[in-house]
Amino acid sequence: MSIESQNVTDYPNSNTVFMVWNLNESPLLKDTFQQLCALVLNLNNSVFNRFPDSRASCVMGIGYEGWKKLELPTPLPKELVNFEEIRGVKHTAVSTPGDLHFHLRADNKSLIFDMAIEISRLLSPVAESILEINGFKYWDARSILGFVDGTENPHGEDRDYFAKIGEEDLQYKGGSYLFVQKYLHNMDAWKGLSAEEQEKVIGRSKENDIEMSDAVKPSNSHIALANIEGENGEELKIVRDNMPFGRPSSNEFGTYFIAYSSTFSTTKKMLTNMFVGDPVGNYDRILDFSTAVTGTLFFVPTRNMLDEFSG
């Protein structure tokens, strides 16, 4: 049987809903989870058949504690753990709970709105919604900070290579590690910088999205620390699907960071560079303007596994 992954390598869309749920101790939990797996498969099939050009999808991830509560197969995916906070001298990548994560995306917001309703209707009796973020495409894929986001994403076959588990964990081949963080931006402080100063924080030009040369790019710029290599100098990447969100009347502006990867160690190395620094203390300057208020790791099963889980 061929392995069918969930839509972890789809490109960012115009509208997104992110939801995080915590499971309760309920005698209905396992039956509801079976129905949920079937629902996720059905939602994806339905939107594809009804609106094939909408680029709509629903991706579900399961956290470490959720995996145990649901008594899913053992051994667990090799790198599925409770994310432990990464504490630097000044900034911390916090760890927050989450049993289930849903990543809903579509050109047409109506589609993800209806998908979110169906998921919530099923889960509400056995779980608590602890986070819901409505993301949107901002201009030409820019973050609220005004810079193009996701420029370093892999393309083509590289997206599968960097996002999906391969031969190193055969039981979970085709699955993916999903790490998410909700960032809040201090826009008053950010706007207090000149465009040139902002570019030094990011490591790219603001207008044209051109990376600075190594000769002028600050060592604590976001690009310098978020782009990482392996022990032998090989390029390491993740598939980002970040989306901006905001409530202007509440002065809340943020980015939902979402990364799919074949190994969580890649994402962890990037986070350590950003928060601890390379060398230690040389942390990512973007963190002076962006605070991580959540941080959770999930595993994204294949469609084949969802079919098995559905009974």
C-alpha atoms as a PDB file:
ATOM      1  CA  MET A   1       0.000   0.000   0.000  1.00  0.00           C
ATOM      2  CA  SER A   2       1.345   3.424  -0.898  1.00  0.00           C
ATOM      3  CA  ILE A   3       1.870   5.936   1.897  1.00  0.00           C
ATOM      4  CA  GLU A   4      -0.354   9.007   1.739  1.00  0.00           C
ATOM      5  CA  SER A   5       0.755  11.938   3.870  1.00  0.00           C
ATOM      6  CA  GLN A   6      -1.489  14.682   5.135  1.00  0.00           C
ATOM      7  CA  ASN A   7      -1.162  18.005   3.309  1.00  0.00           C
ATOM      8  CA  VAL A   8       1.933  19.167   5.167  1.00  0.00           C
ATOM      9  CA  THR A   9       3.707  20.410   2.034  1.00  0.00           C
ATOM     10  CA  ASP A  10       0.848  22.515   0.657  1.00  0.00           C
ATOM     11  CA  TYR A  11       1.833  26.128   0.130  1.00  0.00           C
ATOM     12  CA  PRO A  12       0.450  28.878   2.378  1.00  0.00           C
ATOM     13  CA  ASN A  13      -3.042  30.006   1.519  1.00  0.00           C
ATOM     14  CA  SER A  14      -5.008  33.236   1.825  1.00  0.00           C
ATOM     15  CA  ASN A  15      -6.972  32.222   4.931  1.00  0.00           C
ATOM     16  CA  THR A  16      -6.081  29.955   7.828  1.00  0.00           C
ATOM     17  CA  VAL A  17      -7.536  28.779  11.109  1.00  0.00           C
ATOM     18  CA  PHE A  18      -5.238  27.220  13.712  1.00  0.00           C
ATOM     19  CA  MET A  19      -6.851  25.399  16.637  1.00  0.00           C
ATOM     20  CA  VAL A  20      -5.311  23.723  19.686  1.00  0.00           C
ATOM     21  CA  TRP A  21      -7.400  21.430  21.914  1.00  0.00           C
ATOM     22  CA  ASN A  22      -6.748  19.639  25.201  1.00  0.00           C
ATOM     23  CA  LEU A  23      -8.493  16.307  25.726  1.00  0.00           C
ATOM     24  CA  ASN A  24     -10.543  15.634  28.843  1.00  0.00           C
ATOM     25  CA  GLU A  25     -10.828  12.383  30.770  1.00  0.00           C
ATOM     26  CA  SER A  26     -14.034  11.089  29.205  1.00  0.00           C
ATOM     27  CA  PRO A  27     -15.435   7.598  28.550  1.00  0.00           C
ATOM     28  CA  LEU A  28     -16.351   8.914  25.086  1.00  0.00           C
ATOM     29  CA  LEU A  29     -12.807   9.988  24.237  1.00  0.00           C
ATOM     30  CA  LYS A  30     -11.647   7.019  22.171  1.00  0.00           C
ATOM     31  CA  ASP A  31     -14.882   6.712  20.223  1.00  0.00           C
ATOM     32  CA  THR A  32     -14.834  10.434  19.521  1.00  0.00           C
ATOM     33  CA  PHE A  33     -11.229  10.245  18.330  1.00  0.00           C
ATOM     34  CA  GLN A  34     -12.161   7.467  15.907  1.00  0.00           C
ATOM     35  CA  GLN A  35     -14.927   9.695  14.532  1.00  0.00           C
ATOM     36  CA  LEU A  36     -12.497  12.635  14.399  1.00  0.00           C
ATOM     37  CA  CYS A  37      -9.984  10.758  12.255  1.00  0.00           C
ATOM     38  CA  ALA A  38     -12.743   9.779   9.857  1.00  0.00           C
ATOM     39  CA  LEU A  39     -13.964  13.385   9.834  1.00  0.00           C
ATOM     40  CA  VAL A  40     -10.532  14.785   8.941  1.00  0.00           C
ATOM     41  CA  LEU A  41     -10.276  12.391   6.004  1.00  0.00           C
ATOM     42  CA  ASN A  42     -13.827  13.221   4.941  1.00  0.00           C
ATOM     43  CA  LEU A  43     -13.308  16.979   5.153  1.00  0.00           C
ATOM     44  CA  ASN A  44     -10.268  16.805   2.900  1.00  0.00           C
ATOM     45  CA  ASN A  45     -12.002  14.585   0.367  1.00  0.00           C
ATOM     46  CA  SER A  46     -15.130  16.734   0.389  1.00  0.00           C
ATOM     47  CA  VAL A  47     -13.460  20.096  -0.198  1.00  0.00           C
ATOM     48  CA  PHE A  48     -11.261  18.622  -2.915  1.00  0.00           C
ATOM     49  CA  ASN A  49     -14.225  17.136  -4.756  1.00  0.00           C
ATOM     50  CA  ARG A  50     -16.448  20.186  -4.343  1.00  0.00           C
ATOM     51  CA  PHE A  51     -13.831  22.896  -4.806  1.00  0.00           C
ATOM     52  CA  PRO A  52     -10.763  21.341  -6.490  1.00  0.00           C
ATOM     53  CA  ASP A  53      -9.110  24.705  -7.134  1.00  0.00           C
ATOM     54  CA  SER A  54      -9.574  26.080  -3.624  1.00  0.00           C
ATOM     55  CA  ARG A  55      -6.319  24.628  -2.226  1.00  0.00           C
ATOM     56  CA  ALA A  56      -8.291  23.787   0.906  1.00  0.00           C
ATOM     57  CA  SER A  57      -7.046  21.274   3.464  1.00  0.00           C
ATOM     58  CA  CYS A  58      -7.263  20.173   7.080  1.00  0.00           C
ATOM     59  CA  VAL A  59      -4.128  18.828   8.788  1.00  0.00           C
ATOM     60  CA  MET A  60      -4.329  17.262  12.270  1.00  0.00           C
ATOM     61  CA  GLY A  61      -1.405  16.815  14.634  1.00  0.00           C
ATOM     62  CA  ILE A  62      -1.268  14.903  17.930  1.00  0.00           C
ATOM     63  CA  GLY A  63       0.825  15.940  20.939  1.00  0.00           C
ATOM     64  CA  TYR A  64       2.817  13.643  23.236  1.00  0.00           C
ATOM     65  CA  GLU A  65       0.282  13.757  26.079  1.00  0.00           C
ATOM     66  CA  GLY A  66      -2.589  13.349  23.648  1.00  0.00           C
ATOM     67  CA  TRP A  67      -0.923  10.276  22.145  1.00  0.00           C
ATOM     68  CA  LYS A  68      -0.729   8.712  25.607  1.00  0.00           C
ATOM     69  CA  LYS A  69      -4.294   9.644  26.584  1.00  0.00           C
ATOM     70  CA  LEU A  70      -5.579   8.047  23.397  1.00  0.00           C
ATOM     71  CA  GLU A  71      -3.351   4.976  23.891  1.00  0.00           C
ATOM     72  CA  LEU A  72      -2.074   5.161  20.337  1.00  0.00           C
ATOM     73  CA  PRO A  73       0.588   2.732  19.009  1.00  0.00           C
ATOM     74  CA  THR A  74       3.947   2.208  20.698  1.00  0.00           C
ATOM     75  CA  PRO A  75       6.765   2.838  20.312  1.00  0.00           C
ATOM     76  CA  LEU A  76       5.927   6.478  19.688  1.00  0.00           C
ATOM     77  CA  PRO A  77       7.425   8.442  16.797  1.00  0.00           C
ATOM     78  CA  LYS A  78      11.120   8.727  17.675  1.00  0.00           C
ATOM     79  CA  GLU A  79      11.174  12.471  18.344  1.00  0.00           C
ATOM     80  CA  LEU A  80       7.655  13.015  19.708  1.00  0.00           C
ATOM     81  CA  VAL A  81       8.169  14.433  23.205  1.00  0.00           C
ATOM     82  CA  ASN A  82       6.820  17.203  25.369  1.00  0.00           C
ATOM     83  CA  PHE A  83       8.613  20.299  24.115  1.00  0.00           C
ATOM     84  CA  GLU A  84      10.929  21.642  26.809  1.00  0.00           C
ATOM     85  CA  GLU A  85      11.415  25.394  26.996  1.00  0.00           C
ATOM     86  CA  ILE A  86      14.603  26.849  25.567  1.00  0.00           C
ATOM     87  CA  ARG A  87      15.826  29.605  27.853  1.00  0.00           C
ATOM     88  CA  GLY A  88      18.352  32.173  26.726  1.00  0.00           C
ATOM     89  CA  VAL A  89      19.943  35.032  28.621  1.00  0.00           C
ATOM     90  CA  LYS A  90      17.109  37.393  27.694  1.00  0.00           C
ATOM     91  CA  HIS A  91      14.372  35.466  25.866  1.00  0.00           C
ATOM     92  CA  THR A  92      12.619  32.110  26.318  1.00  0.00           C
ATOM     93  CA  ALA A  93      10.925  29.756  23.892  1.00  0.00           C
ATOM     94  CA  VAL A  94       8.137  28.748  26.267  1.00  0.00           C
ATOM     95  CA  SER A  95       6.506  25.330  26.449  1.00  0.00           C
ATOM     96  CA  THR A  96       2.710  25.163  26.489  1.00  0.00           C
ATOM     97  CA  PRO A  97       0.242  22.230  26.463  1.00  0.00           C
ATOM     98  CA  GLY A  98      -1.720  20.900  23.504  1.00  0.00           C
ATOM     99  CA  ASP A  99      -3.133  17.462  22.679  1.00  0.00           C
ATOM    100  CA  LEU A 100      -4.501  18.138  19.198  1.00  0.00           C
ATOM    101  CA  HIS A 101      -3.622  20.753  16.600  1.00  0.00           C
ATOM    102  CA  PHE A 102      -5.637  21.623  13.491  1.00  0.00           C
ATOM    103  CA  HIS A 103      -4.274  23.576  10.545  1.00  0.00           C
ATOM    104  CA  LEU A 104      -7.112  24.617   8.230  1.00  0.00           C
ATOM    105  CA  ARG A 105      -6.408  26.584   5.043  1.00  0.00           C
ATOM    106  CA  ALA A 106      -8.274  27.692   1.918  1.00  0.00           C
ATOM    107  CA  ASP A 107      -8.573  30.542  -0.532  1.00  0.00           C
ATOM    108  CA  ASN A 108     -12.203  30.869   0.491  1.00  0.00           C
ATOM    109  CA  LYS A 109     -12.650  31.524   4.205  1.00  0.00           C
ATOM    110  CA  SER A 110     -16.106  29.917   4.125  1.00  0.00           C
ATOM    111  CA  LEU A 111     -14.521  26.492   3.653  1.00  0.00           C
ATOM    112  CA  ILE A 112     -12.289  26.620   6.712  1.00  0.00           C
ATOM    113  CA  PHE A 113     -15.074  28.224   8.751  1.00  0.00           C
ATOM    114  CA  ASP A 114     -17.318  25.242   8.051  1.00  0.00           C
ATOM    115  CA  MET A 115     -14.495  22.765   8.719  1.00  0.00           C
ATOM    116  CA  ALA A 116     -13.783  24.435  12.074  1.00  0.00           C
ATOM    117  CA  ILE A 117     -17.477  24.181  12.985  1.00  0.00           C
ATOM    118  CA  GLU A 118     -17.595  20.435  12.274  1.00  0.00           C
ATOM    119  CA  ILE A 119     -14.394  19.727  14.225  1.00  0.00           C
ATOM    120  CA  SER A 120     -15.550  21.829  17.178  1.00  0.00           C
ATOM    121  CA  ARG A 121     -18.990  20.239  17.250  1.00  0.00           C
ATOM    122  CA  LEU A 122     -17.439  16.786  17.497  1.00  0.00           C
ATOM    123  CA  LEU A 123     -14.694  17.632  19.990  1.00  0.00           C
ATOM    124  CA  SER A 124     -16.523  19.957  22.401  1.00  0.00           C
ATOM    125  CA  PRO A 125     -18.010  17.167  24.570  1.00  0.00           C
ATOM    126  CA  VAL A 126     -14.583  15.600  25.214  1.00  0.00           C
ATOM    127  CA  ALA A 127     -12.056  18.418  24.846  1.00  0.00           C
ATOM    128  CA  GLU A 128     -11.350  22.057  25.585  1.00  0.00           C
ATOM    129  CA  SER A 129     -10.372  24.602  22.964  1.00  0.00           C
ATOM    130  CA  ILE A 130      -7.324  26.464  24.310  1.00  0.00           C
ATOM    131  CA  LEU A 131      -6.259  28.432  21.229  1.00  0.00           C
ATOM    132  CA  GLU A 132      -7.856  29.609  17.998  1.00  0.00           C
ATOM    133  CA  ILE A 133      -6.024  31.884  15.578  1.00  0.00           C
ATOM    134  CA  ASN A 134      -7.461  33.268  12.354  1.00  0.00           C
ATOM    135  CA  GLY A 135      -4.569  33.976  10.012  1.00  0.00           C
ATOM    136  CA  PHE A 136      -4.577  35.810   6.714  1.00  0.00           C
ATOM    137  CA  LYS A 137      -2.267  36.533   3.809  1.00  0.00           C
ATOM    138  CA  TYR A 138      -0.841  40.020   4.261  1.00  0.00           C
ATOM    139  CA  TRP A 139       0.042  41.688   0.965  1.00  0.00           C
ATOM    140  CA  ASP A 140       2.711  39.662  -0.901  1.00  0.00           C
ATOM    141  CA  ALA A 141       3.144  37.046   1.867  1.00  0.00           C
ATOM    142  CA  ARG A 142       4.573  39.538   4.367  1.00  0.00           C
ATOM    143  CA  SER A 143       4.471  39.337   8.134  1.00  0.00           C
ATOM    144  CA  ILE A 144       2.965  42.128  10.176  1.00  0.00           C
ATOM    145  CA  LEU A 145       6.535  43.399  10.578  1.00  0.00           C
ATOM    146  CA  GLY A 146       6.489  44.276   6.891  1.00  0.00           C
ATOM    147  CA  PHE A 147       9.013  41.740   5.565  1.00  0.00           C
ATOM    148  CA  VAL A 148       8.309  38.817   3.237  1.00  0.00           C
ATOM    149  CA  ASP A 149       8.016  35.634   5.300  1.00  0.00           C
ATOM    150  CA  GLY A 150       9.026  32.123   4.254  1.00  0.00           C
ATOM    151  CA  THR A 151      11.607  33.066   1.624  1.00  0.00           C
ATOM    152  CA  GLU A 152      13.906  30.227   2.744  1.00  0.00           C
ATOM    153  CA  ASN A 153      11.239  27.544   2.349  1.00  0.00           C
ATOM    154  CA  PRO A 154      12.265  24.544   0.233  1.00  0.00           C
ATOM    155  CA  HIS A 155      10.487  23.921  -3.067  1.00  0.00           C
ATOM    156  CA  GLY A 156       9.659  20.965  -5.291  1.00  0.00           C
ATOM    157  CA  GLU A 157      10.870  17.561  -4.121  1.00  0.00           C
ATOM    158  CA  ASP A 158      12.847  19.214  -1.321  1.00  0.00           C
ATOM    159  CA  ARG A 159       9.581  20.004   0.455  1.00  0.00           C
ATOM    160  CA  ASP A 160       8.860  16.283   0.845  1.00  0.00           C
ATOM    161  CA  TYR A 161      12.442  15.550   1.863  1.00  0.00           C
ATOM    162  CA  PHE A 162      12.570  18.162   4.626  1.00  0.00           C
ATOM    163  CA  ALA A 163       8.941  17.866   5.815  1.00  0.00           C
ATOM    164  CA  LYS A 164       8.270  14.117   5.872  1.00  0.00           C
ATOM    165  CA  ILE A 165       9.834  11.273   7.852  1.00  0.00           C
ATOM    166  CA  GLY A 166      11.774   8.824   5.722  1.00  0.00           C
ATOM    167  CA  GLU A 167      13.555   5.537   6.246  1.00  0.00           C
ATOM    168  CA  GLU A 168      14.904   6.552   9.662  1.00  0.00           C
ATOM    169  CA  ASP A 169      11.561   5.706  11.344  1.00  0.00           C
ATOM    170  CA  LEU A 170       9.777   3.196   9.114  1.00  0.00           C
ATOM    171  CA  GLN A 171       6.759   2.767  11.382  1.00  0.00           C
ATOM    172  CA  TYR A 172       5.971   6.466  10.943  1.00  0.00           C
ATOM    173  CA  LYS A 173       7.307   7.036   7.430  1.00  0.00           C
ATOM    174  CA  GLY A 174       5.407   9.781   5.656  1.00  0.00           C
ATOM    175  CA  GLY A 175       4.440  11.453   8.918  1.00  0.00           C
ATOM    176  CA  SER A 176       5.768  14.809  10.019  1.00  0.00           C
ATOM    177  CA  TYR A 177       6.793  16.707  13.133  1.00  0.00           C
ATOM    178  CA  LEU A 178       4.808  19.900  13.634  1.00  0.00           C
ATOM    179  CA  PHE A 179       6.046  22.676  15.895  1.00  0.00           C
ATOM    180  CA  VAL A 180       4.026  25.829  16.531  1.00  0.00           C
ATOM    181  CA  GLN A 181       4.504  29.115  18.366  1.00  0.00           C
ATOM    182  CA  LYS A 182       2.244  32.126  18.737  1.00  0.00           C
ATOM    183  CA  TYR A 183       4.345  35.305  18.596  1.00  0.00           C
ATOM    184  CA  LEU A 184       3.136  38.745  19.662  1.00  0.00           C
ATOM    185  CA  HIS A 185       4.914  41.770  18.204  1.00  0.00           C
ATOM    186  CA  ASN A 186       5.683  45.075  19.905  1.00  0.00           C
ATOM    187  CA  MET A 187       4.748  47.200  16.929  1.00  0.00           C
ATOM    188  CA  ASP A 188       5.368  50.520  18.679  1.00  0.00           C
ATOM    189  CA  ALA A 189       8.982  49.561  19.337  1.00  0.00           C
ATOM    190  CA  TRP A 190       9.358  48.053  15.863  1.00  0.00           C
ATOM    191  CA  LYS A 191       8.032  51.158  14.131  1.00  0.00           C
ATOM    192  CA  GLY A 192      10.444  53.212  16.206  1.00  0.00           C
ATOM    193  CA  LEU A 193      13.258  51.752  14.100  1.00  0.00           C
ATOM    194  CA  SER A 194      14.202  53.166  10.731  1.00  0.00           C
ATOM    195  CA  ALA A 195      13.766  50.914   7.670  1.00  0.00           C
ATOM    196  CA  GLU A 196      17.545  50.456   7.591  1.00  0.00           C
ATOM    197  CA  GLU A 197      17.614  49.369  11.231  1.00  0.00           C
ATOM    198  CA  GLN A 198      14.723  46.937  10.629  1.00  0.00           C
ATOM    199  CA  GLU A 199      16.613  45.427   7.701  1.00  0.00           C
ATOM    200  CA  LYS A 200      19.612  44.768   9.962  1.00  0.00           C
ATOM    201  CA  VAL A 201      17.324  42.934  12.408  1.00  0.00           C
ATOM    202  CA  ILE A 202      15.953  40.694   9.657  1.00  0.00           C
ATOM    203  CA  GLY A 203      18.982  40.425   7.374  1.00  0.00           C
ATOM    204  CA  ARG A 204      17.037  41.249   4.200  1.00  0.00           C
ATOM    205  CA  SER A 205      15.898  44.319   2.297  1.00  0.00           C
ATOM    206  CA  LYS A 206      12.377  45.322   3.225  1.00  0.00           C
ATOM    207  CA  GLU A 207      11.098  46.333  -0.185  1.00  0.00           C
ATOM    208  CA  ASN A 208      12.640  43.733  -2.491  1.00  0.00           C
ATOM    209  CA  ASP A 209      13.311  40.806  -0.101  1.00  0.00           C
ATOM    210  CA  ILE A 210      16.981  40.520  -1.037  1.00  0.00           C
ATOM    211  CA  GLU A 211      19.286  38.885   1.501  1.00  0.00           C
ATOM    212  CA  MET A 212      22.244  40.917   2.721  1.00  0.00           C
ATOM    213  CA  SER A 213      25.707  39.666   1.898  1.00  0.00           C
ATOM    214  CA  ASP A 214      27.588  37.913   4.683  1.00  0.00           C
ATOM    215  CA  ALA A 215      29.951  40.864   4.803  1.00  0.00           C
ATOM    216  CA  VAL A 216      27.250  43.286   5.972  1.00  0.00           C
ATOM    217  CA  LYS A 217      24.600  40.979   7.503  1.00  0.00           C
ATOM    218  CA  PRO A 218      24.690  41.270  11.324  1.00  0.00           C
ATOM    219  CA  SER A 219      25.515  38.001  13.104  1.00  0.00           C
ATOM    220  CA  ASN A 220      22.435  38.442  15.322  1.00  0.00           C
ATOM    221  CA  SER A 221      20.040  39.034  12.417  1.00  0.00           C
ATOM    222  CA  HIS A 222      17.130  36.660  12.030  1.00  0.00           C
ATOM    223  CA  ILE A 223      18.403  35.262   8.735  1.00  0.00           C
ATOM    224  CA  ALA A 224      21.900  34.631  10.112  1.00  0.00           C
ATOM    225  CA  LEU A 225      20.606  32.574  13.059  1.00  0.00           C
ATOM    226  CA  ALA A 226      17.511  30.877  11.594  1.00  0.00           C
ATOM    227  CA  ASN A 227      19.376  29.416   8.613  1.00  0.00           C
ATOM    228  CA  ILE A 228      21.188  26.360   9.935  1.00  0.00           C
ATOM    229  CA  GLU A 229      23.531  23.606   8.773  1.00  0.00           C
ATOM    230  CA  GLY A 230      24.225  20.056   9.911  1.00  0.00           C
ATOM    231  CA  GLU A 231      27.444  18.764  11.427  1.00  0.00           C
ATOM    232  CA  ASN A 232      28.916  18.135   7.971  1.00  0.00           C
ATOM    233  CA  GLY A 233      27.853  21.479   6.547  1.00  0.00           C
ATOM    234  CA  GLU A 234      24.729  20.132   4.856  1.00  0.00           C
ATOM    235  CA  GLU A 235      21.762  22.451   4.543  1.00  0.00           C
ATOM    236  CA  LEU A 236      18.931  21.848   7.021  1.00  0.00           C
ATOM    237  CA  LYS A 237      15.467  23.194   6.307  1.00  0.00           C
ATOM    238  CA  ILE A 238      11.914  23.120   7.573  1.00  0.00           C
ATOM    239  CA  VAL A 239       8.659  23.844   5.754  1.00  0.00           C
ATOM    240  CA  ARG A 240       7.166  26.979   7.279  1.00  0.00           C
ATOM    241  CA  ASP A 241       3.539  27.979   6.859  1.00  0.00           C
ATOM    242  CA  ASN A 242       3.554  31.085   9.042  1.00  0.00           C
ATOM    243  CA  MET A 243       0.543  33.375   9.007  1.00  0.00           C
ATOM    244  CA  PRO A 244      -0.007  36.868  10.423  1.00  0.00           C
ATOM    245  CA  PHE A 245      -2.978  37.669  12.628  1.00  0.00           C
ATOM    246  CA  GLY A 246      -4.165  40.671  14.559  1.00  0.00           C
ATOM    247  CA  ARG A 247      -6.803  42.628  16.415  1.00  0.00           C
ATOM    248  CA  PRO A 248      -6.022  46.296  15.741  1.00  0.00           C
ATOM    249  CA  SER A 249      -8.545  47.621  18.273  1.00  0.00           C
ATOM    250  CA  SER A 250      -6.756  45.612  20.992  1.00  0.00           C
ATOM    251  CA  ASN A 251      -3.275  46.480  19.700  1.00  0.00           C
ATOM    252  CA  GLU A 252      -2.580  42.769  19.223  1.00  0.00           C
ATOM    253  CA  PHE A 253      -0.404  41.935  16.248  1.00  0.00           C
ATOM    254  CA  GLY A 254       1.342  38.644  15.756  1.00  0.00           C
ATOM    255  CA  THR A 255       2.682  35.770  13.720  1.00  0.00           C
ATOM    256  CA  TYR A 256       1.688  32.143  14.110  1.00  0.00           C
ATOM    257  CA  PHE A 257       4.905  30.236  13.457  1.00  0.00           C
ATOM    258  CA  ILE A 258       4.260  26.757  12.114  1.00  0.00           C
ATOM    259  CA  ALA A 259       6.968  24.358  10.954  1.00  0.00           C
ATOM    260  CA  TYR A 260       6.671  20.896   9.439  1.00  0.00           C
ATOM    261  CA  SER A 261       9.852  18.815   9.475  1.00  0.00           C
ATOM    262  CA  SER A 262      11.128  15.274   8.995  1.00  0.00           C
ATOM    263  CA  THR A 263      12.978  15.567  12.300  1.00  0.00           C
ATOM    264  CA  PHE A 264      12.236  17.856  15.229  1.00  0.00           C
ATOM    265  CA  SER A 265      15.953  18.144  15.976  1.00  0.00           C
ATOM    266  CA  THR A 266      16.257  20.481  12.976  1.00  0.00           C
ATOM    267  CA  THR A 267      13.614  22.847  14.340  1.00  0.00           C
ATOM    268  CA  LYS A 268      15.103  22.608  17.835  1.00  0.00           C
ATOM    269  CA  LYS A 269      18.542  23.575  16.535  1.00  0.00           C
ATOM    270  CA  MET A 270      17.056  26.627  14.850  1.00  0.00           C
ATOM    271  CA  LEU A 271      15.195  27.636  18.028  1.00  0.00           C
ATOM    272  CA  THR A 272      18.349  27.202  20.117  1.00  0.00           C
ATOM    273  CA  ASN A 273      20.263  29.448  17.728  1.00  0.00           C
ATOM    274  CA  MET A 274      17.541  32.067  17.990  1.00  0.00           C
ATOM    275  CA  PHE A 275      16.933  32.062  21.742  1.00  0.00           C
ATOM    276  CA  VAL A 276      20.293  31.017  23.219  1.00  0.00           C
ATOM    277  CA  GLY A 277      22.453  32.415  20.431  1.00  0.00           C
ATOM    278  CA  ASP A 278      25.379  31.350  18.293  1.00  0.00           C
ATOM    279  CA  PRO A 279      27.692  31.883  20.031  1.00  0.00           C
ATOM    280  CA  VAL A 280      25.815  31.875  23.341  1.00  0.00           C
ATOM    281  CA  GLY A 281      24.416  35.332  24.046  1.00  0.00           C
ATOM    282  CA  ASN A 282      24.275  36.321  20.381  1.00  0.00           C
ATOM    283  CA  TYR A 283      20.503  35.780  20.218  1.00  0.00           C
ATOM    284  CA  ASP A 284      18.152  36.631  17.368  1.00  0.00           C
ATOM    285  CA  ARG A 285      17.477  40.379  17.502  1.00  0.00           C
ATOM    286  CA  ILE A 286      13.937  39.863  16.228  1.00  0.00           C
ATOM    287  CA  LEU A 287      13.085  38.528  19.701  1.00  0.00           C
ATOM    288  CA  ASP A 288      13.476  42.030  21.117  1.00  0.00           C
ATOM    289  CA  PHE A 289      10.279  42.834  19.221  1.00  0.00           C
ATOM    290  CA  SER A 290       8.553  39.430  19.082  1.00  0.00           C
ATOM    291  CA  THR A 291       7.539  37.392  22.144  1.00  0.00           C
ATOM    292  CA  ALA A 292       6.723  33.691  21.950  1.00  0.00           C
ATOM    293  CA  VAL A 293       3.676  33.057  24.151  1.00  0.00           C
ATOM    294  CA  THR A 294       3.133  29.412  23.140  1.00  0.00           C
ATOM    295  CA  GLY A 295       5.334  26.516  22.045  1.00  0.00           C
ATOM    296  CA  THR A 296       4.098  22.970  21.359  1.00  0.00           C
ATOM    297  CA  LEU A 297       5.269  19.928  19.415  1.00  0.00           C
ATOM    298  CA  PHE A 298       2.897  17.579  17.576  1.00  0.00           C
ATOM    299  CA  PHE A 299       3.170  14.570  15.287  1.00  0.00           C
ATOM    300  CA  VAL A 300       1.175  14.535  12.049  1.00  0.00           C
ATOM    301  CA  PRO A 301       0.143  10.968  11.150  1.00  0.00           C
ATOM    302  CA  THR A 302      -0.256   9.855   7.554  1.00  0.00           C
ATOM    303  CA  ARG A 303      -3.708   9.500   6.025  1.00  0.00           C
ATOM    304  CA  ASN A 304      -3.159   5.744   6.214  1.00  0.00           C
ATOM    305  CA  MET A 305      -2.745   5.997   9.986  1.00  0.00           C
ATOM    306  CA  LEU A 306      -5.829   8.185  10.312  1.00  0.00           C
ATOM    307  CA  ASP A 307      -7.755   5.530   8.419  1.00  0.00           C
ATOM    308  CA  GLU A 308      -6.484   2.872  10.863  1.00  0.00           C
ATOM    309  CA  PHE A 309      -7.284   5.073  13.873  1.00  0.00           C
ATOM    310  CA  SER A 310     -10.835   5.619  12.575  1.00  0.00           C
ATOM    311  CA  GLY A 311     -11.559   1.927  13.068  1.00  0.00           C
END
